[in-house]
Amino acid sequence: QVQLVESGGTLVQPGGSLRLSCAASGFSFAGRAMSWYRQSPGKERERVAAITTDGLPITYAASVEGRFTISRDNAKNMVYLQMDSLKPSDTADYFCSVYDGIQRYWGQGTPVTVSS
């Protein structure tokens, strides 16, 4: 079965950097685009970034453009989100996600808190 396990979330100061990781299994990883989403309390889940099967970024949310970078390693079945110049507004639970053509799968999420 599809499994997505995120890691790397923690408390970080404004202006700091953080790298999130997502370990994927249970499907043909190299054959699927991957996405990162985030959700803050009281807000809808929003897509932060997405990447093609061969590692080209598809899109970034306007709020993170120029600060976040999505990447993947097909040999390791991993997808990453490098987050720089973090702001308090980036505080959220971050989720790795894949759509297999029928349904979207989610990891359990990893919390990121940006605060001094």
PDB file of N, CA and C in Angstrom:
ATOM      1  N   GLN A   1       0.835  -1.187   0.000  1.00  0.00           N
ATOM      2  CA  GLN A   1       0.000   0.000   0.000  1.00  0.00           C
ATOM      3  C   GLN A   1       0.880   1.250   0.000  1.00  0.00           C
ATOM      4  N   VAL A   2       0.284   2.347  -0.456  1.00  0.00           N
ATOM      5  CA  VAL A   2       1.018   3.609  -0.527  1.00  0.00           C
ATOM      6  C   VAL A   2       1.327   4.096   0.886  1.00  0.00           C
ATOM      7  N   GLN A   3       2.592   4.434   1.084  1.00  0.00           N
ATOM      8  CA  GLN A   3       3.016   5.035   2.352  1.00  0.00           C
ATOM      9  C   GLN A   3       3.870   6.252   2.074  1.00  0.00           C
ATOM     10  N   LEU A   4       3.567   7.310   2.774  1.00  0.00           N
ATOM     11  CA  LEU A   4       4.320   8.559   2.689  1.00  0.00           C
ATOM     12  C   LEU A   4       4.651   8.979   4.119  1.00  0.00           C
ATOM     13  N   VAL A   5       5.933   9.132   4.400  1.00  0.00           N
ATOM     14  CA  VAL A   5       6.359   9.462   5.755  1.00  0.00           C
ATOM     15  C   VAL A   5       7.213  10.722   5.716  1.00  0.00           C
ATOM     16  N   GLU A   6       6.668  11.795   6.267  1.00  0.00           N
ATOM     17  CA  GLU A   6       7.376  13.070   6.298  1.00  0.00           C
ATOM     18  C   GLU A   6       8.236  13.173   7.551  1.00  0.00           C
ATOM     19  N   SER A   7       9.289  13.963   7.459  1.00  0.00           N
ATOM     20  CA  SER A   7      10.144  14.234   8.607  1.00  0.00           C
ATOM     21  C   SER A   7      10.842  15.566   8.403  1.00  0.00           C
ATOM     22  N   GLY A   8      11.414  16.084   9.492  1.00  0.00           N
ATOM     23  CA  GLY A   8      12.210  17.302   9.396  1.00  0.00           C
ATOM     24  C   GLY A   8      11.552  18.534   9.981  1.00  0.00           C
ATOM     25  N   GLY A   9      10.280  18.467  10.292  1.00  0.00           N
ATOM     26  CA  GLY A   9       9.616  19.633  10.860  1.00  0.00           C
ATOM     27  C   GLY A   9      10.071  19.901  12.279  1.00  0.00           C
ATOM     28  N   THR A  10      10.174  21.183  12.621  1.00  0.00           N
ATOM     29  CA  THR A  10      10.609  21.571  13.954  1.00  0.00           C
ATOM     30  C   THR A  10      10.349  23.047  14.167  1.00  0.00           C
ATOM     31  N   LEU A  11      10.779  23.569  15.302  1.00  0.00           N
ATOM     32  CA  LEU A  11      10.705  24.994  15.607  1.00  0.00           C
ATOM     33  C   LEU A  11      11.937  25.680  15.020  1.00  0.00           C
ATOM     34  N   VAL A  12      11.713  26.760  14.296  1.00  0.00           N
ATOM     35  CA  VAL A  12      12.810  27.499  13.683  1.00  0.00           C
ATOM     36  C   VAL A  12      12.523  28.994  13.805  1.00  0.00           C
ATOM     37  N   GLN A  13      13.571  29.777  13.902  1.00  0.00           N
ATOM     38  CA  GLN A  13      13.412  31.217  14.025  1.00  0.00           C
ATOM     39  C   GLN A  13      13.090  31.854  12.674  1.00  0.00           C
ATOM     40  N   PRO A  14      12.402  32.984  12.672  1.00  0.00           N
ATOM     41  CA  PRO A  14      12.169  33.704  11.408  1.00  0.00           C
ATOM     42  C   PRO A  14      13.490  33.985  10.700  1.00  0.00           C
ATOM     43  N   GLY A  15      13.472  33.810   9.394  1.00  0.00           N
ATOM     44  CA  GLY A  15      14.676  33.979   8.601  1.00  0.00           C
ATOM     45  C   GLY A  15      15.512  32.728   8.478  1.00  0.00           C
ATOM     46  N   GLY A  16      15.167  31.709   9.231  1.00  0.00           N
ATOM     47  CA  GLY A  16      15.919  30.463   9.211  1.00  0.00           C
ATOM     48  C   GLY A  16      15.544  29.558   8.055  1.00  0.00           C
ATOM     49  N   SER A  17      16.215  28.406   8.015  1.00  0.00           N
ATOM     50  CA  SER A  17      15.990  27.430   6.943  1.00  0.00           C
ATOM     51  C   SER A  17      15.656  26.072   7.538  1.00  0.00           C
ATOM     52  N   LEU A  18      14.986  25.272   6.736  1.00  0.00           N
ATOM     53  CA  LEU A  18      14.606  23.931   7.158  1.00  0.00           C
ATOM     54  C   LEU A  18      14.446  23.077   5.909  1.00  0.00           C
ATOM     55  N   ARG A  19      14.794  21.804   6.032  1.00  0.00           N
ATOM     56  CA  ARG A  19      14.610  20.880   4.924  1.00  0.00           C
ATOM     57  C   ARG A  19      13.690  19.758   5.365  1.00  0.00           C
ATOM     58  N   LEU A  20      12.569  19.640   4.690  1.00  0.00           N
ATOM     59  CA  LEU A  20      11.643  18.547   4.952  1.00  0.00           C
ATOM     60  C   LEU A  20      11.928  17.394   4.004  1.00  0.00           C
ATOM     61  N   SER A  21      11.717  16.174   4.496  1.00  0.00           N
ATOM     62  CA  SER A  21      11.901  14.980   3.685  1.00  0.00           C
ATOM     63  C   SER A  21      10.637  14.143   3.699  1.00  0.00           C
ATOM     64  N   CYS A  22      10.432  13.406   2.625  1.00  0.00           N
ATOM     65  CA  CYS A  22       9.298  12.494   2.539  1.00  0.00           C
ATOM     66  C   CYS A  22       9.783  11.193   1.926  1.00  0.00           C
ATOM     67  N   ALA A  23       9.637  10.105   2.668  1.00  0.00           N
ATOM     68  CA  ALA A  23       9.985   8.778   2.178  1.00  0.00           C
ATOM     69  C   ALA A  23       8.726   8.106   1.631  1.00  0.00           C
ATOM     70  N   ALA A  24       8.791   7.683   0.376  1.00  0.00           N
ATOM     71  CA  ALA A  24       7.624   7.102  -0.293  1.00  0.00           C
ATOM     72  C   ALA A  24       7.838   5.617  -0.557  1.00  0.00           C
ATOM     73  N   SER A  25       6.756   4.857  -0.481  1.00  0.00           N
ATOM     74  CA  SER A  25       6.821   3.434  -0.786  1.00  0.00           C
ATOM     75  C   SER A  25       5.432   2.944  -1.185  1.00  0.00           C
ATOM     76  N   GLY A  26       5.393   1.756  -1.794  1.00  0.00           N
ATOM     77  CA  GLY A  26       4.114   1.151  -2.137  1.00  0.00           C
ATOM     78  C   GLY A  26       3.566   1.512  -3.502  1.00  0.00           C
ATOM     79  N   PHE A  27       4.338   2.257  -4.278  1.00  0.00           N
ATOM     80  CA  PHE A  27       3.910   2.603  -5.629  1.00  0.00           C
ATOM     81  C   PHE A  27       5.148   2.885  -6.456  1.00  0.00           C
ATOM     82  N   SER A  28       4.949   3.067  -7.759  1.00  0.00           N
ATOM     83  CA  SER A  28       6.060   3.352  -8.652  1.00  0.00           C
ATOM     84  C   SER A  28       6.430   4.821  -8.531  1.00  0.00           C
ATOM     85  N   PHE A  29       7.331   5.092  -7.604  1.00  0.00           N
ATOM     86  CA  PHE A  29       7.664   6.479  -7.255  1.00  0.00           C
ATOM     87  C   PHE A  29       8.142   7.272  -8.466  1.00  0.00           C
ATOM     88  N   ALA A  30       9.019   6.701  -9.257  1.00  0.00           N
ATOM     89  CA  ALA A  30       9.607   7.436 -10.381  1.00  0.00           C
ATOM     90  C   ALA A  30       8.569   7.788 -11.441  1.00  0.00           C
ATOM     91  N   GLY A  31       7.423   7.160 -11.382  1.00  0.00           N
ATOM     92  CA  GLY A  31       6.392   7.384 -12.381  1.00  0.00           C
ATOM     93  C   GLY A  31       5.305   8.352 -11.972  1.00  0.00           C
ATOM     94  N   ARG A  32       5.465   9.004 -10.827  1.00  0.00           N
ATOM     95  CA  ARG A  32       4.425   9.890 -10.314  1.00  0.00           C
ATOM     96  C   ARG A  32       4.980  11.251  -9.941  1.00  0.00           C
ATOM     97  N   ALA A  33       4.241  12.297 -10.326  1.00  0.00           N
ATOM     98  CA  ALA A  33       4.540  13.624  -9.807  1.00  0.00           C
ATOM     99  C   ALA A  33       4.274  13.633  -8.314  1.00  0.00           C
ATOM    100  N   MET A  34       4.992  14.453  -7.594  1.00  0.00           N
ATOM    101  CA  MET A  34       4.840  14.535  -6.147  1.00  0.00           C
ATOM    102  C   MET A  34       4.569  15.977  -5.738  1.00  0.00           C
ATOM    103  N   SER A  35       3.906  16.124  -4.604  1.00  0.00           N
ATOM    104  CA  SER A  35       3.548  17.463  -4.131  1.00  0.00           C
ATOM    105  C   SER A  35       3.776  17.599  -2.635  1.00  0.00           C
ATOM    106  N   TRP A  36       3.991  18.840  -2.221  1.00  0.00           N
ATOM    107  CA  TRP A  36       3.967  19.211  -0.811  1.00  0.00           C
ATOM    108  C   TRP A  36       2.776  20.152  -0.605  1.00  0.00           C
ATOM    109  N   TYR A  37       2.045  19.899   0.464  1.00  0.00           N
ATOM    110  CA  TYR A  37       0.941  20.753   0.883  1.00  0.00           C
ATOM    111  C   TYR A  37       1.222  21.220   2.315  1.00  0.00           C
ATOM    112  N   ARG A  38       0.475  22.217   2.729  1.00  0.00           N
ATOM    113  CA  ARG A  38       0.543  22.623   4.125  1.00  0.00           C
ATOM    114  C   ARG A  38      -0.838  23.062   4.592  1.00  0.00           C
ATOM    115  N   GLN A  39      -1.024  22.984   5.901  1.00  0.00           N
ATOM    116  CA  GLN A  39      -2.300  23.398   6.495  1.00  0.00           C
ATOM    117  C   GLN A  39      -2.042  24.038   7.843  1.00  0.00           C
ATOM    118  N   SER A  40      -2.547  25.252   7.995  1.00  0.00           N
ATOM    119  CA  SER A  40      -2.473  25.975   9.273  1.00  0.00           C
ATOM    120  C   SER A  40      -3.816  25.853   9.971  1.00  0.00           C
ATOM    121  N   PRO A  41      -3.834  26.002  11.286  1.00  0.00           N
ATOM    122  CA  PRO A  41      -5.102  25.925  12.030  1.00  0.00           C
ATOM    123  C   PRO A  41      -6.137  26.891  11.473  1.00  0.00           C
ATOM    124  N   GLY A  42      -7.323  26.390  11.202  1.00  0.00           N
ATOM    125  CA  GLY A  42      -8.400  27.238  10.727  1.00  0.00           C
ATOM    126  C   GLY A  42      -8.342  27.576   9.252  1.00  0.00           C
ATOM    127  N   LYS A  43      -7.347  27.050   8.552  1.00  0.00           N
ATOM    128  CA  LYS A  43      -7.209  27.338   7.126  1.00  0.00           C
ATOM    129  C   LYS A  43      -7.316  26.065   6.306  1.00  0.00           C
ATOM    130  N   GLU A  44      -7.630  26.233   5.035  1.00  0.00           N
ATOM    131  CA  GLU A  44      -7.695  25.084   4.144  1.00  0.00           C
ATOM    132  C   GLU A  44      -6.285  24.625   3.779  1.00  0.00           C
ATOM    133  N   ARG A  45      -6.198  23.362   3.455  1.00  0.00           N
ATOM    134  CA  ARG A  45      -4.911  22.825   3.012  1.00  0.00           C
ATOM    135  C   ARG A  45      -4.585  23.420   1.657  1.00  0.00           C
ATOM    136  N   GLU A  46      -3.338  23.867   1.474  1.00  0.00           N
ATOM    137  CA  GLU A  46      -2.933  24.479   0.216  1.00  0.00           C
ATOM    138  C   GLU A  46      -1.702  23.778  -0.335  1.00  0.00           C
ATOM    139  N   ARG A  47      -1.635  23.700  -1.646  1.00  0.00           N
ATOM    140  CA  ARG A  47      -0.450  23.107  -2.277  1.00  0.00           C
ATOM    141  C   ARG A  47       0.684  24.128  -2.260  1.00  0.00           C
ATOM    142  N   VAL A  48       1.810  23.688  -1.767  1.00  0.00           N
ATOM    143  CA  VAL A  48       2.991  24.544  -1.667  1.00  0.00           C
ATOM    144  C   VAL A  48       3.851  24.422  -2.910  1.00  0.00           C
ATOM    145  N   ALA A  49       4.081  23.189  -3.346  1.00  0.00           N
ATOM    146  CA  ALA A  49       4.959  22.955  -4.483  1.00  0.00           C
ATOM    147  C   ALA A  49       4.686  21.574  -5.058  1.00  0.00           C
ATOM    148  N   ALA A  50       5.018  21.405  -6.321  1.00  0.00           N
ATOM    149  CA  ALA A  50       4.876  20.114  -6.982  1.00  0.00           C
ATOM    150  C   ALA A  50       6.044  19.919  -7.925  1.00  0.00           C
ATOM    151  N   ILE A  51       6.355  18.651  -8.204  1.00  0.00           N
ATOM    152  CA  ILE A  51       7.519  18.335  -9.025  1.00  0.00           C
ATOM    153  C   ILE A  51       7.185  17.195  -9.969  1.00  0.00           C
ATOM    154  N   THR A  52       7.732  17.259 -11.179  1.00  0.00           N
ATOM    155  CA  THR A  52       7.465  16.232 -12.174  1.00  0.00           C
ATOM    156  C   THR A  52       8.229  14.954 -11.862  1.00  0.00           C
ATOM    157  N   THR A  53       7.973  13.924 -12.641  1.00  0.00           N
ATOM    158  CA  THR A  53       8.646  12.637 -12.425  1.00  0.00           C
ATOM    159  C   THR A  53      10.153  12.729 -12.609  1.00  0.00           C
ATOM    160  N   ASP A  54      10.586  13.615 -13.476  1.00  0.00           N
ATOM    161  CA  ASP A  54      12.029  13.721 -13.727  1.00  0.00           C
ATOM    162  C   ASP A  54      12.671  14.911 -13.019  1.00  0.00           C
ATOM    163  N   GLY A  55      11.977  15.464 -12.026  1.00  0.00           N
ATOM    164  CA  GLY A  55      12.622  16.430 -11.148  1.00  0.00           C
ATOM    165  C   GLY A  55      12.462  17.890 -11.514  1.00  0.00           C
ATOM    166  N   LEU A  56      11.563  18.204 -12.407  1.00  0.00           N
ATOM    167  CA  LEU A  56      11.337  19.604 -12.742  1.00  0.00           C
ATOM    168  C   LEU A  56      10.188  20.156 -11.909  1.00  0.00           C
ATOM    169  N   PRO A  57      10.399  21.264 -11.231  1.00  0.00           N
ATOM    170  CA  PRO A  57       9.295  21.856 -10.459  1.00  0.00           C
ATOM    171  C   PRO A  57       8.123  22.215 -11.366  1.00  0.00           C
ATOM    172  N   ILE A  58       6.930  21.860 -10.932  1.00  0.00           N
ATOM    173  CA  ILE A  58       5.734  22.182 -11.702  1.00  0.00           C
ATOM    174  C   ILE A  58       5.202  23.535 -11.307  1.00  0.00           C
ATOM    175  N   THR A  59       5.135  23.764 -10.008  1.00  0.00           N
ATOM    176  CA  THR A  59       4.528  24.988  -9.520  1.00  0.00           C
ATOM    177  C   THR A  59       4.953  25.242  -8.089  1.00  0.00           C
ATOM    178  N   TYR A  60       4.914  26.502  -7.713  1.00  0.00           N
ATOM    179  CA  TYR A  60       5.080  26.926  -6.335  1.00  0.00           C
ATOM    180  C   TYR A  60       3.938  27.873  -5.997  1.00  0.00           C
ATOM    181  N   ALA A  61       3.458  27.794  -4.765  1.00  0.00           N
ATOM    182  CA  ALA A  61       2.496  28.789  -4.309  1.00  0.00           C
ATOM    183  C   ALA A  61       3.152  30.158  -4.321  1.00  0.00           C
ATOM    184  N   ALA A  62       2.382  31.180  -4.627  1.00  0.00           N
ATOM    185  CA  ALA A  62       2.933  32.538  -4.717  1.00  0.00           C
ATOM    186  C   ALA A  62       3.591  32.948  -3.403  1.00  0.00           C
ATOM    187  N   SER A  63       3.056  32.457  -2.306  1.00  0.00           N
ATOM    188  CA  SER A  63       3.558  32.857  -0.986  1.00  0.00           C
ATOM    189  C   SER A  63       4.938  32.290  -0.674  1.00  0.00           C
ATOM    190  N   VAL A  64       5.379  31.263  -1.437  1.00  0.00           N
ATOM    191  CA  VAL A  64       6.677  30.647  -1.145  1.00  0.00           C
ATOM    192  C   VAL A  64       7.653  30.763  -2.314  1.00  0.00           C
ATOM    193  N   GLU A  65       7.191  31.290  -3.435  1.00  0.00           N
ATOM    194  CA  GLU A  65       8.030  31.435  -4.625  1.00  0.00           C
ATOM    195  C   GLU A  65       9.319  32.180  -4.283  1.00  0.00           C
ATOM    196  N   GLY A  66      10.447  31.606  -4.690  1.00  0.00           N
ATOM    197  CA  GLY A  66      11.737  32.224  -4.436  1.00  0.00           C
ATOM    198  C   GLY A  66      12.343  31.873  -3.087  1.00  0.00           C
ATOM    199  N   ARG A  67      11.566  31.246  -2.213  1.00  0.00           N
ATOM    200  CA  ARG A  67      12.079  30.878  -0.883  1.00  0.00           C
ATOM    201  C   ARG A  67      12.114  29.361  -0.683  1.00  0.00           C
ATOM    202  N   PHE A  68      11.209  28.642  -1.315  1.00  0.00           N
ATOM    203  CA  PHE A  68      11.132  27.186  -1.156  1.00  0.00           C
ATOM    204  C   PHE A  68      11.590  26.512  -2.448  1.00  0.00           C
ATOM    205  N   THR A  69      12.206  25.341  -2.299  1.00  0.00           N
ATOM    206  CA  THR A  69      12.645  24.559  -3.449  1.00  0.00           C
ATOM    207  C   THR A  69      12.271  23.101  -3.246  1.00  0.00           C
ATOM    208  N   ILE A  70      11.540  22.548  -4.201  1.00  0.00           N
ATOM    209  CA  ILE A  70      11.179  21.140  -4.151  1.00  0.00           C
ATOM    210  C   ILE A  70      12.166  20.339  -4.998  1.00  0.00           C
ATOM    211  N   SER A  71      12.504  19.151  -4.533  1.00  0.00           N
ATOM    212  CA  SER A  71      13.402  18.273  -5.283  1.00  0.00           C
ATOM    213  C   SER A  71      13.051  16.832  -4.970  1.00  0.00           C
ATOM    214  N   ARG A  72      13.627  15.917  -5.741  1.00  0.00           N
ATOM    215  CA  ARG A  72      13.355  14.503  -5.524  1.00  0.00           C
ATOM    216  C   ARG A  72      14.568  13.680  -5.868  1.00  0.00           C
ATOM    217  N   ASP A  73      14.628  12.476  -5.309  1.00  0.00           N
ATOM    218  CA  ASP A  73      15.679  11.512  -5.612  1.00  0.00           C
ATOM    219  C   ASP A  73      14.977  10.200  -5.943  1.00  0.00           C
ATOM    220  N   ASN A  74      14.853   9.910  -7.208  1.00  0.00           N
ATOM    221  CA  ASN A  74      14.108   8.713  -7.617  1.00  0.00           C
ATOM    222  C   ASN A  74      14.813   7.418  -7.210  1.00  0.00           C
ATOM    223  N   ALA A  75      16.129   7.473  -7.043  1.00  0.00           N
ATOM    224  CA  ALA A  75      16.870   6.283  -6.623  1.00  0.00           C
ATOM    225  C   ALA A  75      16.566   5.917  -5.167  1.00  0.00           C
ATOM    226  N   LYS A  76      16.206   6.923  -4.392  1.00  0.00           N
ATOM    227  CA  LYS A  76      15.937   6.705  -2.964  1.00  0.00           C
ATOM    228  C   LYS A  76      14.449   6.787  -2.620  1.00  0.00           C
ATOM    229  N   ASN A  77      13.607   7.046  -3.601  1.00  0.00           N
ATOM    230  CA  ASN A  77      12.170   7.234  -3.362  1.00  0.00           C
ATOM    231  C   ASN A  77      11.911   8.329  -2.332  1.00  0.00           C
ATOM    232  N   MET A  78      12.589   9.450  -2.524  1.00  0.00           N
ATOM    233  CA  MET A  78      12.483  10.561  -1.584  1.00  0.00           C
ATOM    234  C   MET A  78      12.107  11.841  -2.310  1.00  0.00           C
ATOM    235  N   VAL A  79      11.332  12.675  -1.630  1.00  0.00           N
ATOM    236  CA  VAL A  79      11.050  14.025  -2.116  1.00  0.00           C
ATOM    237  C   VAL A  79      11.341  14.987  -0.974  1.00  0.00           C
ATOM    238  N   TYR A  80      11.862  16.156  -1.322  1.00  0.00           N
ATOM    239  CA  TYR A  80      12.333  17.108  -0.329  1.00  0.00           C
ATOM    240  C   TYR A  80      11.692  18.474  -0.546  1.00  0.00           C
ATOM    241  N   LEU A  81      11.664  19.247   0.530  1.00  0.00           N
ATOM    242  CA  LEU A  81      11.242  20.641   0.436  1.00  0.00           C
ATOM    243  C   LEU A  81      12.245  21.473   1.234  1.00  0.00           C
ATOM    244  N   GLN A  82      13.074  22.208   0.517  1.00  0.00           N
ATOM    245  CA  GLN A  82      14.015  23.124   1.146  1.00  0.00           C
ATOM    246  C   GLN A  82      13.311  24.453   1.356  1.00  0.00           C
ATOM    247  N   MET A  83      13.279  24.898   2.597  1.00  0.00           N
ATOM    248  CA  MET A  83      12.567  26.129   2.942  1.00  0.00           C
ATOM    249  C   MET A  83      13.557  27.132   3.513  1.00  0.00           C
ATOM    250  N   ASP A  84      13.708  28.248   2.857  1.00  0.00           N
ATOM    251  CA  ASP A  84      14.624  29.308   3.281  1.00  0.00           C
ATOM    252  C   ASP A  84      13.839  30.578   3.592  1.00  0.00           C
ATOM    253  N   SER A  85      14.491  31.474   4.298  1.00  0.00           N
ATOM    254  CA  SER A  85      13.871  32.763   4.657  1.00  0.00           C
ATOM    255  C   SER A  85      12.486  32.564   5.242  1.00  0.00           C
ATOM    256  N   LEU A  86      12.409  31.670   6.193  1.00  0.00           N
ATOM    257  CA  LEU A  86      11.110  31.306   6.754  1.00  0.00           C
ATOM    258  C   LEU A  86      10.474  32.466   7.504  1.00  0.00           C
ATOM    259  N   LYS A  87       9.147  32.503   7.405  1.00  0.00           N
ATOM    260  CA  LYS A  87       8.348  33.559   8.042  1.00  0.00           C
ATOM    261  C   LYS A  87       7.364  32.907   9.026  1.00  0.00           C
ATOM    262  N   PRO A  88       6.900  33.672  10.003  1.00  0.00           N
ATOM    263  CA  PRO A  88       5.884  33.117  10.905  1.00  0.00           C
ATOM    264  C   PRO A  88       4.660  32.601  10.156  1.00  0.00           C
ATOM    265  N   SER A  89       4.351  33.210   9.021  1.00  0.00           N
ATOM    266  CA  SER A  89       3.194  32.779   8.233  1.00  0.00           C
ATOM    267  C   SER A  89       3.411  31.410   7.580  1.00  0.00           C
ATOM    268  N   ASP A  90       4.630  30.893   7.608  1.00  0.00           N
ATOM    269  CA  ASP A  90       4.904  29.550   7.093  1.00  0.00           C
ATOM    270  C   ASP A  90       4.586  28.468   8.119  1.00  0.00           C
ATOM    271  N   THR A  91       4.241  28.867   9.323  1.00  0.00           N
ATOM    272  CA  THR A  91       3.890  27.904  10.357  1.00  0.00           C
ATOM    273  C   THR A  91       2.689  27.071   9.928  1.00  0.00           C
ATOM    274  N   ALA A  92       2.855  25.754   9.917  1.00  0.00           N
ATOM    275  CA  ALA A  92       1.801  24.854   9.445  1.00  0.00           C
ATOM    276  C   ALA A  92       2.261  23.413   9.604  1.00  0.00           C
ATOM    277  N   ASP A  93       1.321  22.503   9.425  1.00  0.00           N
ATOM    278  CA  ASP A  93       1.659  21.106   9.226  1.00  0.00           C
ATOM    279  C   ASP A  93       1.907  20.910   7.735  1.00  0.00           C
ATOM    280  N   TYR A  94       3.005  20.257   7.404  1.00  0.00           N
ATOM    281  CA  TYR A  94       3.380  20.049   6.008  1.00  0.00           C
ATOM    282  C   TYR A  94       3.195  18.579   5.641  1.00  0.00           C
ATOM    283  N   PHE A  95       2.565  18.369   4.481  1.00  0.00           N
ATOM    284  CA  PHE A  95       2.194  17.031   4.047  1.00  0.00           C
ATOM    285  C   PHE A  95       2.791  16.730   2.674  1.00  0.00           C
ATOM    286  N   CYS A  96       3.270  15.532   2.531  1.00  0.00           N
ATOM    287  CA  CYS A  96       3.693  14.991   1.249  1.00  0.00           C
ATOM    288  C   CYS A  96       2.473  14.304   0.615  1.00  0.00           C
ATOM    289  N   SER A  97       2.369  14.371  -0.706  1.00  0.00           N
ATOM    290  CA  SER A  97       1.181  13.812  -1.344  1.00  0.00           C
ATOM    291  C   SER A  97       1.483  13.289  -2.737  1.00  0.00           C
ATOM    292  N   VAL A  98       0.722  12.251  -3.125  1.00  0.00           N
ATOM    293  CA  VAL A  98       0.807  11.704  -4.471  1.00  0.00           C
ATOM    294  C   VAL A  98      -0.594  11.336  -4.952  1.00  0.00           C
ATOM    295  N   TYR A  99      -0.838  11.566  -6.233  1.00  0.00           N
ATOM    296  CA  TYR A  99      -2.115  11.216  -6.851  1.00  0.00           C
ATOM    297  C   TYR A  99      -1.835  10.110  -7.859  1.00  0.00           C
ATOM    298  N   ASP A 100      -2.535   8.994  -7.715  1.00  0.00           N
ATOM    299  CA  ASP A 100      -2.247   7.846  -8.580  1.00  0.00           C
ATOM    300  C   ASP A 100      -3.196   7.740  -9.762  1.00  0.00           C
ATOM    301  N   GLY A 101      -3.976   8.780 -10.012  1.00  0.00           N
ATOM    302  CA  GLY A 101      -4.941   8.759 -11.103  1.00  0.00           C
ATOM    303  C   GLY A 101      -6.328   8.405 -10.646  1.00  0.00           C
ATOM    304  N   ILE A 102      -6.406   7.886  -9.423  1.00  0.00           N
ATOM    305  CA  ILE A 102      -7.711   7.504  -8.869  1.00  0.00           C
ATOM    306  C   ILE A 102      -7.981   8.261  -7.578  1.00  0.00           C
ATOM    307  N   GLN A 103      -6.978   8.282  -6.710  1.00  0.00           N
ATOM    308  CA  GLN A 103      -7.132   8.998  -5.453  1.00  0.00           C
ATOM    309  C   GLN A 103      -5.826   9.632  -5.031  1.00  0.00           C
ATOM    310  N   ARG A 104      -5.939  10.604  -4.124  1.00  0.00           N
ATOM    311  CA  ARG A 104      -4.765  11.284  -3.590  1.00  0.00           C
ATOM    312  C   ARG A 104      -4.435  10.673  -2.240  1.00  0.00           C
ATOM    313  N   TYR A 105      -3.158  10.437  -2.050  1.00  0.00           N
ATOM    314  CA  TYR A 105      -2.663   9.887  -0.798  1.00  0.00           C
ATOM    315  C   TYR A 105      -1.886  10.953  -0.041  1.00  0.00           C
ATOM    316  N   TRP A 106      -1.924  10.827   1.284  1.00  0.00           N
ATOM    317  CA  TRP A 106      -1.266  11.800   2.163  1.00  0.00           C
ATOM    318  C   TRP A 106      -0.402  11.088   3.201  1.00  0.00           C
ATOM    319  N   GLY A 107       0.664  11.777   3.589  1.00  0.00           N
ATOM    320  CA  GLY A 107       1.407  11.329   4.743  1.00  0.00           C
ATOM    321  C   GLY A 107       0.742  11.844   6.004  1.00  0.00           C
ATOM    322  N   GLN A 108       1.388  11.580   7.151  1.00  0.00           N
ATOM    323  CA  GLN A 108       0.809  11.991   8.430  1.00  0.00           C
ATOM    324  C   GLN A 108       1.119  13.451   8.747  1.00  0.00           C
ATOM    325  N   GLY A 109       2.036  14.029   7.995  1.00  0.00           N
ATOM    326  CA  GLY A 109       2.390  15.425   8.202  1.00  0.00           C
ATOM    327  C   GLY A 109       3.532  15.614   9.171  1.00  0.00           C
ATOM    328  N   THR A 110       4.224  16.726   9.019  1.00  0.00           N
ATOM    329  CA  THR A 110       5.286  17.103   9.946  1.00  0.00           C
ATOM    330  C   THR A 110       5.103  18.579  10.276  1.00  0.00           C
ATOM    331  N   PRO A 111       5.152  18.943  11.563  1.00  0.00           N
ATOM    332  CA  PRO A 111       4.847  20.319  11.964  1.00  0.00           C
ATOM    333  C   PRO A 111       6.048  21.250  11.848  1.00  0.00           C
ATOM    334  N   VAL A 112       5.804  22.396  11.287  1.00  0.00           N
ATOM    335  CA  VAL A 112       6.810  23.453  11.204  1.00  0.00           C
ATOM    336  C   VAL A 112       6.281  24.674  11.937  1.00  0.00           C
ATOM    337  N   THR A 113       7.063  25.155  12.882  1.00  0.00           N
ATOM    338  CA  THR A 113       6.706  26.367  13.625  1.00  0.00           C
ATOM    339  C   THR A 113       7.813  27.393  13.453  1.00  0.00           C
ATOM    340  N   VAL A 114       7.443  28.557  12.944  1.00  0.00           N
ATOM    341  CA  VAL A 114       8.404  29.632  12.741  1.00  0.00           C
ATOM    342  C   VAL A 114       8.099  30.722  13.762  1.00  0.00           C
ATOM    343  N   SER A 115       8.976  30.831  14.722  1.00  0.00           N
ATOM    344  CA  SER A 115       8.739  31.766  15.828  1.00  0.00           C
ATOM    345  C   SER A 115      10.044  32.100  16.522  1.00  0.00           C
ATOM    346  N   SER A 116      10.103  33.299  17.050  1.00  0.00           N
ATOM    347  CA  SER A 116      11.277  33.695  17.827  1.00  0.00           C
ATOM    348  C   SER A 116      11.032  33.450  19.322  1.00  0.00           C
TER     349      SER A 116
END
